[in-house]
Amino acid sequence: MMARRSGKAKQSDGVVDPKSSRRVIPRLTTRERQVLNLVANGYTSRQIGEKLGISPRTAETHRVNIGRRLGIRNVAQMVRYAIENDLSPAPKRSPR
C-alpha cells in the first residue's frame, strides 16, 4: 500500500544547493521583504501598515505568508532569519 502525500509541501528556511554548497533562500516578494525588514526592526503590524500605506490586517497577512514560506513560527525566528540573511539593516555584533 502506498502512503498518500498531503497537497502542501513543507518548506524549510533554506536548502543547501549541492552544486554550489550555498543556501538557497525561498523567494519572497518585494513587499514581503519590506515587511520582514520592518518586523526585524521591531515594528508592529499597525506601524508597518502606517509606514507602507496598507492596512494592519494586510501587514499581518504578509507576516503570515512570510512565516509559511520560510517555515517560521514566531517573530523571534523571523528577526533571526532576517539578520542571518542580511535582509535587515540591524547592526551585526562585532566579534569579541
PDB file of N, CA and C in Angstrom:
ATOM      1  N   MET A   1       0.833  -1.170   0.000  1.00  0.00           N
ATOM      2  CA  MET A   1       0.000   0.000   0.000  1.00  0.00           C
ATOM      3  C   MET A   1       0.888   1.246   0.000  1.00  0.00           C
ATOM      4  N   MET A   2       0.543   2.222  -0.795  1.00  0.00           N
ATOM      5  CA  MET A   2       1.362   3.424  -0.932  1.00  0.00           C
ATOM      6  C   MET A   2       0.812   4.542  -0.040  1.00  0.00           C
ATOM      7  N   ALA A   3       1.696   5.220   0.653  1.00  0.00           N
ATOM      8  CA  ALA A   3       1.295   6.329   1.518  1.00  0.00           C
ATOM      9  C   ALA A   3       0.932   7.532   0.664  1.00  0.00           C
ATOM     10  N   ARG A   4      -0.090   8.240   1.088  1.00  0.00           N
ATOM     11  CA  ARG A   4      -0.512   9.436   0.359  1.00  0.00           C
ATOM     12  C   ARG A   4       0.211  10.650   0.910  1.00  0.00           C
ATOM     13  N   ARG A   5       0.554  11.537   0.029  1.00  0.00           N
ATOM     14  CA  ARG A   5       1.195  12.780   0.435  1.00  0.00           C
ATOM     15  C   ARG A   5       0.147  13.868   0.494  1.00  0.00           C
ATOM     16  N   SER A   6       0.291  14.738   1.451  1.00  0.00           N
ATOM     17  CA  SER A   6      -0.639  15.856   1.535  1.00  0.00           C
ATOM     18  C   SER A   6      -0.336  16.830   0.407  1.00  0.00           C
ATOM     19  N   GLY A   7      -1.284  17.669   0.085  1.00  0.00           N
ATOM     20  CA  GLY A   7      -1.136  18.621  -1.005  1.00  0.00           C
ATOM     21  C   GLY A   7      -0.112  19.705  -0.737  1.00  0.00           C
ATOM     22  N   LYS A   8       0.160  19.972   0.527  1.00  0.00           N
ATOM     23  CA  LYS A   8       1.107  21.031   0.862  1.00  0.00           C
ATOM     24  C   LYS A   8       2.482  20.443   1.102  1.00  0.00           C
ATOM     25  N   ALA A   9       3.460  21.022   0.445  1.00  0.00           N
ATOM     26  CA  ALA A   9       4.843  20.604   0.661  1.00  0.00           C
ATOM     27  C   ALA A   9       5.417  21.444   1.786  1.00  0.00           C
ATOM     28  N   LYS A  10       6.099  20.804   2.707  1.00  0.00           N
ATOM     29  CA  LYS A  10       6.704  21.541   3.810  1.00  0.00           C
ATOM     30  C   LYS A  10       7.953  22.242   3.308  1.00  0.00           C
ATOM     31  N   GLN A  11       8.026  23.528   3.580  1.00  0.00           N
ATOM     32  CA  GLN A  11       9.186  24.311   3.163  1.00  0.00           C
ATOM     33  C   GLN A  11      10.064  24.572   4.366  1.00  0.00           C
ATOM     34  N   SER A  12      11.352  24.518   4.156  1.00  0.00           N
ATOM     35  CA  SER A  12      12.281  24.824   5.242  1.00  0.00           C
ATOM     36  C   SER A  12      12.791  26.241   5.067  1.00  0.00           C
ATOM     37  N   ASP A  13      13.599  26.679   6.007  1.00  0.00           N
ATOM     38  CA  ASP A  13      14.095  28.052   5.947  1.00  0.00           C
ATOM     39  C   ASP A  13      15.282  28.202   5.007  1.00  0.00           C
ATOM     40  N   GLY A  14      15.663  27.186   4.335  1.00  0.00           N
ATOM     41  CA  GLY A  14      16.749  27.258   3.376  1.00  0.00           C
ATOM     42  C   GLY A  14      17.258  25.867   3.074  1.00  0.00           C
ATOM     43  N   VAL A  15      17.619  25.646   1.836  1.00  0.00           N
ATOM     44  CA  VAL A  15      18.107  24.353   1.401  1.00  0.00           C
ATOM     45  C   VAL A  15      19.494  24.562   0.828  1.00  0.00           C
ATOM     46  N   VAL A  16      20.377  23.622   1.052  1.00  0.00           N
ATOM     47  CA  VAL A  16      21.720  23.741   0.510  1.00  0.00           C
ATOM     48  C   VAL A  16      21.729  23.204  -0.907  1.00  0.00           C
ATOM     49  N   ASP A  17      22.206  24.010  -1.844  1.00  0.00           N
ATOM     50  CA  ASP A  17      22.341  23.604  -3.240  1.00  0.00           C
ATOM     51  C   ASP A  17      23.617  22.772  -3.350  1.00  0.00           C
ATOM     52  N   PRO A  18      23.502  21.468  -3.684  1.00  0.00           N
ATOM     53  CA  PRO A  18      24.680  20.607  -3.702  1.00  0.00           C
ATOM     54  C   PRO A  18      25.746  21.036  -4.717  1.00  0.00           C
ATOM     55  N   LYS A  19      25.358  21.706  -5.785  1.00  0.00           N
ATOM     56  CA  LYS A  19      26.322  22.117  -6.808  1.00  0.00           C
ATOM     57  C   LYS A  19      27.201  23.263  -6.340  1.00  0.00           C
ATOM     58  N   SER A  20      26.632  24.176  -5.593  1.00  0.00           N
ATOM     59  CA  SER A  20      27.396  25.361  -5.199  1.00  0.00           C
ATOM     60  C   SER A  20      27.665  25.432  -3.696  1.00  0.00           C
ATOM     61  N   SER A  21      27.118  24.511  -2.927  1.00  0.00           N
ATOM     62  CA  SER A  21      27.255  24.500  -1.463  1.00  0.00           C
ATOM     63  C   SER A  21      26.764  25.805  -0.839  1.00  0.00           C
ATOM     64  N   ARG A  22      25.814  26.455  -1.494  1.00  0.00           N
ATOM     65  CA  ARG A  22      25.221  27.681  -0.961  1.00  0.00           C
ATOM     66  C   ARG A  22      23.815  27.387  -0.492  1.00  0.00           C
ATOM     67  N   ARG A  23      23.366  28.219   0.416  1.00  0.00           N
ATOM     68  CA  ARG A  23      21.990  28.112   0.874  1.00  0.00           C
ATOM     69  C   ARG A  23      21.065  28.759  -0.139  1.00  0.00           C
ATOM     70  N   VAL A  24      19.988  28.094  -0.475  1.00  0.00           N
ATOM     71  CA  VAL A  24      19.008  28.645  -1.397  1.00  0.00           C
ATOM     72  C   VAL A  24      17.888  29.239  -0.547  1.00  0.00           C
ATOM     73  N   ILE A  25      17.685  30.540  -0.659  1.00  0.00           N
ATOM     74  CA  ILE A  25      16.676  31.236   0.135  1.00  0.00           C
ATOM     75  C   ILE A  25      15.358  31.233  -0.634  1.00  0.00           C
ATOM     76  N   PRO A  26      14.272  30.807   0.025  1.00  0.00           N
ATOM     77  CA  PRO A  26      12.975  30.846  -0.650  1.00  0.00           C
ATOM     78  C   PRO A  26      12.674  32.266  -1.140  1.00  0.00           C
ATOM     79  N   ARG A  27      12.068  32.357  -2.281  1.00  0.00           N
ATOM     80  CA  ARG A  27      11.808  33.660  -2.888  1.00  0.00           C
ATOM     81  C   ARG A  27      10.682  34.383  -2.165  1.00  0.00           C
ATOM     82  N   LEU A  28      10.959  35.611  -1.776  1.00  0.00           N
ATOM     83  CA  LEU A  28       9.959  36.483  -1.166  1.00  0.00           C
ATOM     84  C   LEU A  28       9.657  37.612  -2.133  1.00  0.00           C
ATOM     85  N   THR A  29       8.429  38.093  -2.083  1.00  0.00           N
ATOM     86  CA  THR A  29       8.080  39.238  -2.916  1.00  0.00           C
ATOM     87  C   THR A  29       8.759  40.478  -2.352  1.00  0.00           C
ATOM     88  N   THR A  30       8.798  41.535  -3.132  1.00  0.00           N
ATOM     89  CA  THR A  30       9.392  42.788  -2.676  1.00  0.00           C
ATOM     90  C   THR A  30       8.684  43.281  -1.422  1.00  0.00           C
ATOM     91  N   ARG A  31       7.369  43.208  -1.405  1.00  0.00           N
ATOM     92  CA  ARG A  31       6.593  43.663  -0.249  1.00  0.00           C
ATOM     93  C   ARG A  31       6.887  42.796   0.980  1.00  0.00           C
ATOM     94  N   GLU A  32       7.018  41.483   0.781  1.00  0.00           N
ATOM     95  CA  GLU A  32       7.338  40.600   1.903  1.00  0.00           C
ATOM     96  C   GLU A  32       8.715  40.927   2.482  1.00  0.00           C
ATOM     97  N   ARG A  33       9.655  41.263   1.609  1.00  0.00           N
ATOM     98  CA  ARG A  33      10.985  41.665   2.089  1.00  0.00           C
ATOM     99  C   ARG A  33      10.898  42.960   2.892  1.00  0.00           C
ATOM    100  N   GLN A  34      10.071  43.902   2.428  1.00  0.00           N
ATOM    101  CA  GLN A  34       9.886  45.155   3.160  1.00  0.00           C
ATOM    102  C   GLN A  34       9.298  44.885   4.536  1.00  0.00           C
ATOM    103  N   VAL A  35       8.270  44.049   4.572  1.00  0.00           N
ATOM    104  CA  VAL A  35       7.616  43.724   5.837  1.00  0.00           C
ATOM    105  C   VAL A  35       8.590  42.989   6.760  1.00  0.00           C
ATOM    106  N   LEU A  36       9.334  42.034   6.223  1.00  0.00           N
ATOM    107  CA  LEU A  36      10.306  41.292   7.026  1.00  0.00           C
ATOM    108  C   LEU A  36      11.347  42.240   7.625  1.00  0.00           C
ATOM    109  N   ASN A  37      11.804  43.178   6.828  1.00  0.00           N
ATOM    110  CA  ASN A  37      12.777  44.157   7.309  1.00  0.00           C
ATOM    111  C   ASN A  37      12.206  44.975   8.469  1.00  0.00           C
ATOM    112  N   LEU A  38      10.962  45.414   8.331  1.00  0.00           N
ATOM    113  CA  LEU A  38      10.339  46.216   9.380  1.00  0.00           C
ATOM    114  C   LEU A  38      10.077  45.388  10.642  1.00  0.00           C
ATOM    115  N   VAL A  39       9.656  44.151  10.471  1.00  0.00           N
ATOM    116  CA  VAL A  39       9.451  43.264  11.622  1.00  0.00           C
ATOM    117  C   VAL A  39      10.774  43.090  12.362  1.00  0.00           C
ATOM    118  N   ALA A  40      11.840  42.877  11.600  1.00  0.00           N
ATOM    119  CA  ALA A  40      13.165  42.678  12.198  1.00  0.00           C
ATOM    120  C   ALA A  40      13.644  43.918  12.941  1.00  0.00           C
ATOM    121  N   ASN A  41      13.084  45.058  12.603  1.00  0.00           N
ATOM    122  CA  ASN A  41      13.459  46.299  13.280  1.00  0.00           C
ATOM    123  C   ASN A  41      12.446  46.708  14.337  1.00  0.00           C
ATOM    124  N   GLY A  42      11.570  45.770  14.737  1.00  0.00           N
ATOM    125  CA  GLY A  42      10.689  45.988  15.868  1.00  0.00           C
ATOM    126  C   GLY A  42       9.347  46.628  15.589  1.00  0.00           C
ATOM    127  N   TYR A  43       8.958  46.761  14.332  1.00  0.00           N
ATOM    128  CA  TYR A  43       7.680  47.376  14.009  1.00  0.00           C
ATOM    129  C   TYR A  43       6.532  46.395  14.235  1.00  0.00           C
ATOM    130  N   THR A  44       5.401  46.904  14.704  1.00  0.00           N
ATOM    131  CA  THR A  44       4.183  46.108  14.835  1.00  0.00           C
ATOM    132  C   THR A  44       3.451  46.114  13.489  1.00  0.00           C
ATOM    133  N   SER A  45       2.436  45.264  13.363  1.00  0.00           N
ATOM    134  CA  SER A  45       1.651  45.246  12.127  1.00  0.00           C
ATOM    135  C   SER A  45       0.989  46.600  11.883  1.00  0.00           C
ATOM    136  N   ARG A  46       0.557  47.241  12.948  1.00  0.00           N
ATOM    137  CA  ARG A  46      -0.065  48.557  12.817  1.00  0.00           C
ATOM    138  C   ARG A  46       0.941  49.587  12.283  1.00  0.00           C
ATOM    139  N   GLN A  47       2.150  49.581  12.848  1.00  0.00           N
ATOM    140  CA  GLN A  47       3.190  50.515  12.405  1.00  0.00           C
ATOM    141  C   GLN A  47       3.633  50.207  10.977  1.00  0.00           C
ATOM    142  N   ILE A  48       3.722  48.930  10.634  1.00  0.00           N
ATOM    143  CA  ILE A  48       4.086  48.540   9.269  1.00  0.00           C
ATOM    144  C   ILE A  48       3.038  49.058   8.298  1.00  0.00           C
ATOM    145  N   GLY A  49       1.772  48.888   8.665  1.00  0.00           N
ATOM    146  CA  GLY A  49       0.686  49.381   7.825  1.00  0.00           C
ATOM    147  C   GLY A  49       0.777  50.879   7.587  1.00  0.00           C
ATOM    148  N   GLU A  50       1.030  51.620   8.652  1.00  0.00           N
ATOM    149  CA  GLU A  50       1.150  53.073   8.524  1.00  0.00           C
ATOM    150  C   GLU A  50       2.331  53.457   7.643  1.00  0.00           C
ATOM    151  N   LYS A  51       3.449  52.791   7.827  1.00  0.00           N
ATOM    152  CA  LYS A  51       4.663  53.121   7.082  1.00  0.00           C
ATOM    153  C   LYS A  51       4.543  52.775   5.596  1.00  0.00           C
ATOM    154  N   LEU A  52       3.886  51.650   5.288  1.00  0.00           N
ATOM    155  CA  LEU A  52       3.781  51.200   3.895  1.00  0.00           C
ATOM    156  C   LEU A  52       2.474  51.592   3.212  1.00  0.00           C
ATOM    157  N   GLY A  53       1.574  52.219   3.953  1.00  0.00           N
ATOM    158  CA  GLY A  53       0.301  52.640   3.370  1.00  0.00           C
ATOM    159  C   GLY A  53      -0.643  51.475   3.102  1.00  0.00           C
ATOM    160  N   ILE A  54      -0.619  50.475   3.974  1.00  0.00           N
ATOM    161  CA  ILE A  54      -1.514  49.323   3.857  1.00  0.00           C
ATOM    162  C   ILE A  54      -2.222  49.154   5.198  1.00  0.00           C
ATOM    163  N   SER A  55      -3.266  48.349   5.217  1.00  0.00           N
ATOM    164  CA  SER A  55      -3.976  48.132   6.477  1.00  0.00           C
ATOM    165  C   SER A  55      -3.158  47.226   7.393  1.00  0.00           C
ATOM    166  N   PRO A  56      -3.377  47.337   8.698  1.00  0.00           N
ATOM    167  CA  PRO A  56      -2.680  46.442   9.622  1.00  0.00           C
ATOM    168  C   PRO A  56      -2.979  44.971   9.330  1.00  0.00           C
ATOM    169  N   ARG A  57      -4.189  44.701   8.885  1.00  0.00           N
ATOM    170  CA  ARG A  57      -4.567  43.321   8.551  1.00  0.00           C
ATOM    171  C   ARG A  57      -3.756  42.813   7.363  1.00  0.00           C
ATOM    172  N   THR A  58      -3.521  43.646   6.374  1.00  0.00           N
ATOM    173  CA  THR A  58      -2.699  43.265   5.224  1.00  0.00           C
ATOM    174  C   THR A  58      -1.260  43.029   5.664  1.00  0.00           C
ATOM    175  N   ALA A  59      -0.767  43.871   6.543  1.00  0.00           N
ATOM    176  CA  ALA A  59       0.591  43.683   7.076  1.00  0.00           C
ATOM    177  C   ALA A  59       0.682  42.346   7.796  1.00  0.00           C
ATOM    178  N   GLU A  60      -0.336  42.018   8.575  1.00  0.00           N
ATOM    179  CA  GLU A  60      -0.359  40.743   9.297  1.00  0.00           C
ATOM    180  C   GLU A  60      -0.407  39.570   8.318  1.00  0.00           C
ATOM    181  N   THR A  61      -1.158  39.716   7.240  1.00  0.00           N
ATOM    182  CA  THR A  61      -1.224  38.665   6.214  1.00  0.00           C
ATOM    183  C   THR A  61       0.152  38.452   5.587  1.00  0.00           C
ATOM    184  N   HIS A  62       0.869  39.527   5.324  1.00  0.00           N
ATOM    185  CA  HIS A  62       2.229  39.402   4.789  1.00  0.00           C
ATOM    186  C   HIS A  62       3.115  38.659   5.776  1.00  0.00           C
ATOM    187  N   ARG A  63       2.985  38.969   7.061  1.00  0.00           N
ATOM    188  CA  ARG A  63       3.782  38.291   8.088  1.00  0.00           C
ATOM    189  C   ARG A  63       3.488  36.794   8.106  1.00  0.00           C
ATOM    190  N   VAL A  64       2.226  36.441   8.007  1.00  0.00           N
ATOM    191  CA  VAL A  64       1.835  35.025   7.990  1.00  0.00           C
ATOM    192  C   VAL A  64       2.405  34.335   6.750  1.00  0.00           C
ATOM    193  N   ASN A  65       2.308  34.989   5.607  1.00  0.00           N
ATOM    194  CA  ASN A  65       2.835  34.406   4.366  1.00  0.00           C
ATOM    195  C   ASN A  65       4.351  34.214   4.435  1.00  0.00           C
ATOM    196  N   ILE A  66       5.049  35.166   5.019  1.00  0.00           N
ATOM    197  CA  ILE A  66       6.498  35.041   5.190  1.00  0.00           C
ATOM    198  C   ILE A  66       6.793  33.820   6.061  1.00  0.00           C
ATOM    199  N   GLY A  67       6.058  33.705   7.147  1.00  0.00           N
ATOM    200  CA  GLY A  67       6.244  32.571   8.044  1.00  0.00           C
ATOM    201  C   GLY A  67       6.022  31.241   7.344  1.00  0.00           C
ATOM    202  N   ARG A  68       5.005  31.160   6.533  1.00  0.00           N
ATOM    203  CA  ARG A  68       4.726  29.916   5.794  1.00  0.00           C
ATOM    204  C   ARG A  68       5.831  29.594   4.801  1.00  0.00           C
ATOM    205  N   ARG A  69       6.258  30.587   4.062  1.00  0.00           N
ATOM    206  CA  ARG A  69       7.297  30.346   3.052  1.00  0.00           C
ATOM    207  C   ARG A  69       8.628  29.935   3.662  1.00  0.00           C
ATOM    208  N   LEU A  70       8.934  30.505   4.822  1.00  0.00           N
ATOM    209  CA  LEU A  70      10.233  30.268   5.429  1.00  0.00           C
ATOM    210  C   LEU A  70      10.207  29.217   6.538  1.00  0.00           C
ATOM    211  N   GLY A  71       9.026  28.719   6.874  1.00  0.00           N
ATOM    212  CA  GLY A  71       8.918  27.739   7.937  1.00  0.00           C
ATOM    213  C   GLY A  71       9.183  28.353   9.307  1.00  0.00           C
ATOM    214  N   ILE A  72       8.765  29.588   9.477  1.00  0.00           N
ATOM    215  CA  ILE A  72       8.997  30.344  10.704  1.00  0.00           C
ATOM    216  C   ILE A  72       7.691  30.433  11.487  1.00  0.00           C
ATOM    217  N   ARG A  73       7.782  30.252  12.816  1.00  0.00           N
ATOM    218  CA  ARG A  73       6.578  30.236  13.634  1.00  0.00           C
ATOM    219  C   ARG A  73       6.403  31.431  14.551  1.00  0.00           C
ATOM    220  N   ASN A  74       7.440  32.239  14.736  1.00  0.00           N
ATOM    221  CA  ASN A  74       7.279  33.390  15.628  1.00  0.00           C
ATOM    222  C   ASN A  74       8.189  34.543  15.205  1.00  0.00           C
ATOM    223  N   VAL A  75       7.984  35.690  15.846  1.00  0.00           N
ATOM    224  CA  VAL A  75       8.708  36.899  15.476  1.00  0.00           C
ATOM    225  C   VAL A  75      10.205  36.752  15.735  1.00  0.00           C
ATOM    226  N   ALA A  76      10.571  36.091  16.812  1.00  0.00           N
ATOM    227  CA  ALA A  76      11.994  35.927  17.120  1.00  0.00           C
ATOM    228  C   ALA A  76      12.707  35.182  15.990  1.00  0.00           C
ATOM    229  N   GLN A  77      12.090  34.139  15.472  1.00  0.00           N
ATOM    230  CA  GLN A  77      12.686  33.396  14.358  1.00  0.00           C
ATOM    231  C   GLN A  77      12.746  34.265  13.106  1.00  0.00           C
ATOM    232  N   MET A  78      11.739  35.108  12.912  1.00  0.00           N
ATOM    233  CA  MET A  78      11.703  35.993  11.752  1.00  0.00           C
ATOM    234  C   MET A  78      12.855  37.002  11.818  1.00  0.00           C
ATOM    235  N   VAL A  79      13.074  37.563  13.002  1.00  0.00           N
ATOM    236  CA  VAL A  79      14.168  38.524  13.192  1.00  0.00           C
ATOM    237  C   VAL A  79      15.505  37.834  12.943  1.00  0.00           C
ATOM    238  N   ARG A  80      15.665  36.655  13.519  1.00  0.00           N
ATOM    239  CA  ARG A  80      16.913  35.910  13.342  1.00  0.00           C
ATOM    240  C   ARG A  80      17.166  35.609  11.869  1.00  0.00           C
ATOM    241  N   TYR A  81      16.132  35.177  11.165  1.00  0.00           N
ATOM    242  CA  TYR A  81      16.262  34.869   9.739  1.00  0.00           C
ATOM    243  C   TYR A  81      16.700  36.107   8.964  1.00  0.00           C
ATOM    244  N   ALA A  82      16.068  37.239   9.249  1.00  0.00           N
ATOM    245  CA  ALA A  82      16.393  38.482   8.536  1.00  0.00           C
ATOM    246  C   ALA A  82      17.844  38.886   8.771  1.00  0.00           C
ATOM    247  N   ILE A  83      18.305  38.771  10.002  1.00  0.00           N
ATOM    248  CA  ILE A  83      19.683  39.155  10.316  1.00  0.00           C
ATOM    249  C   ILE A  83      20.678  38.196   9.679  1.00  0.00           C
ATOM    250  N   GLU A  84      20.418  36.889   9.798  1.00  0.00           N
ATOM    251  CA  GLU A  84      21.336  35.890   9.240  1.00  0.00           C
ATOM    252  C   GLU A  84      21.449  35.966   7.724  1.00  0.00           C
ATOM    253  N   ASN A  85      20.386  36.446   7.069  1.00  0.00           N
ATOM    254  CA  ASN A  85      20.381  36.515   5.610  1.00  0.00           C
ATOM    255  C   ASN A  85      20.553  37.929   5.085  1.00  0.00           C
ATOM    256  N   ASP A  86      21.052  38.824   5.936  1.00  0.00           N
ATOM    257  CA  ASP A  86      21.320  40.219   5.553  1.00  0.00           C
ATOM    258  C   ASP A  86      20.106  40.908   4.930  1.00  0.00           C
ATOM    259  N   LEU A  87      18.930  40.640   5.489  1.00  0.00           N
ATOM    260  CA  LEU A  87      17.710  41.274   4.997  1.00  0.00           C
ATOM    261  C   LEU A  87      17.273  42.415   5.903  1.00  0.00           C
ATOM    262  N   SER A  88      18.078  42.695   6.907  1.00  0.00           N
ATOM    263  CA  SER A  88      17.754  43.756   7.846  1.00  0.00           C
ATOM    264  C   SER A  88      18.978  44.634   8.049  1.00  0.00           C
ATOM    265  N   PRO A  89      18.779  45.944   8.130  1.00  0.00           N
ATOM    266  CA  PRO A  89      19.917  46.823   8.358  1.00  0.00           C
ATOM    267  C   PRO A  89      20.356  46.842   9.818  1.00  0.00           C
ATOM    268  N   ALA A  90      19.823  45.924  10.628  1.00  0.00           N
ATOM    269  CA  ALA A  90      20.212  45.871  12.033  1.00  0.00           C
ATOM    270  C   ALA A  90      21.716  45.644  12.132  1.00  0.00           C
ATOM    271  N   PRO A  91      22.360  46.354  13.046  1.00  0.00           N
ATOM    272  CA  PRO A  91      23.824  46.206  13.156  1.00  0.00           C
ATOM    273  C   PRO A  91      24.208  44.808  13.609  1.00  0.00           C
ATOM    274  N   LYS A  92      25.282  44.294  13.026  1.00  0.00           N
ATOM    275  CA  LYS A  92      25.784  42.991  13.424  1.00  0.00           C
ATOM    276  C   LYS A  92      26.717  43.191  14.602  1.00  0.00           C
ATOM    277  N   ARG A  93      26.723  42.191  15.473  1.00  0.00           N
ATOM    278  CA  ARG A  93      27.610  42.267  16.634  1.00  0.00           C
ATOM    279  C   ARG A  93      29.045  42.053  16.197  1.00  0.00           C
ATOM    280  N   SER A  94      29.933  42.838  16.786  1.00  0.00           N
ATOM    281  CA  SER A  94      31.352  42.675  16.459  1.00  0.00           C
ATOM    282  C   SER A  94      31.912  41.511  17.268  1.00  0.00           C
ATOM    283  N   PRO A  95      32.874  40.776  16.676  1.00  0.00           N
ATOM    284  CA  PRO A  95      33.462  39.658  17.401  1.00  0.00           C
ATOM    285  C   PRO A  95      34.262  40.155  18.599  1.00  0.00           C
ATOM    286  N   ARG A  96      34.260  39.374  19.659  1.00  0.00           N
ATOM    287  CA  ARG A  96      34.972  39.780  20.885  1.00  0.00           C
ATOM    288  C   ARG A  96      36.355  39.234  20.885  1.00  0.00           C
TER     289      ARG A  96
END
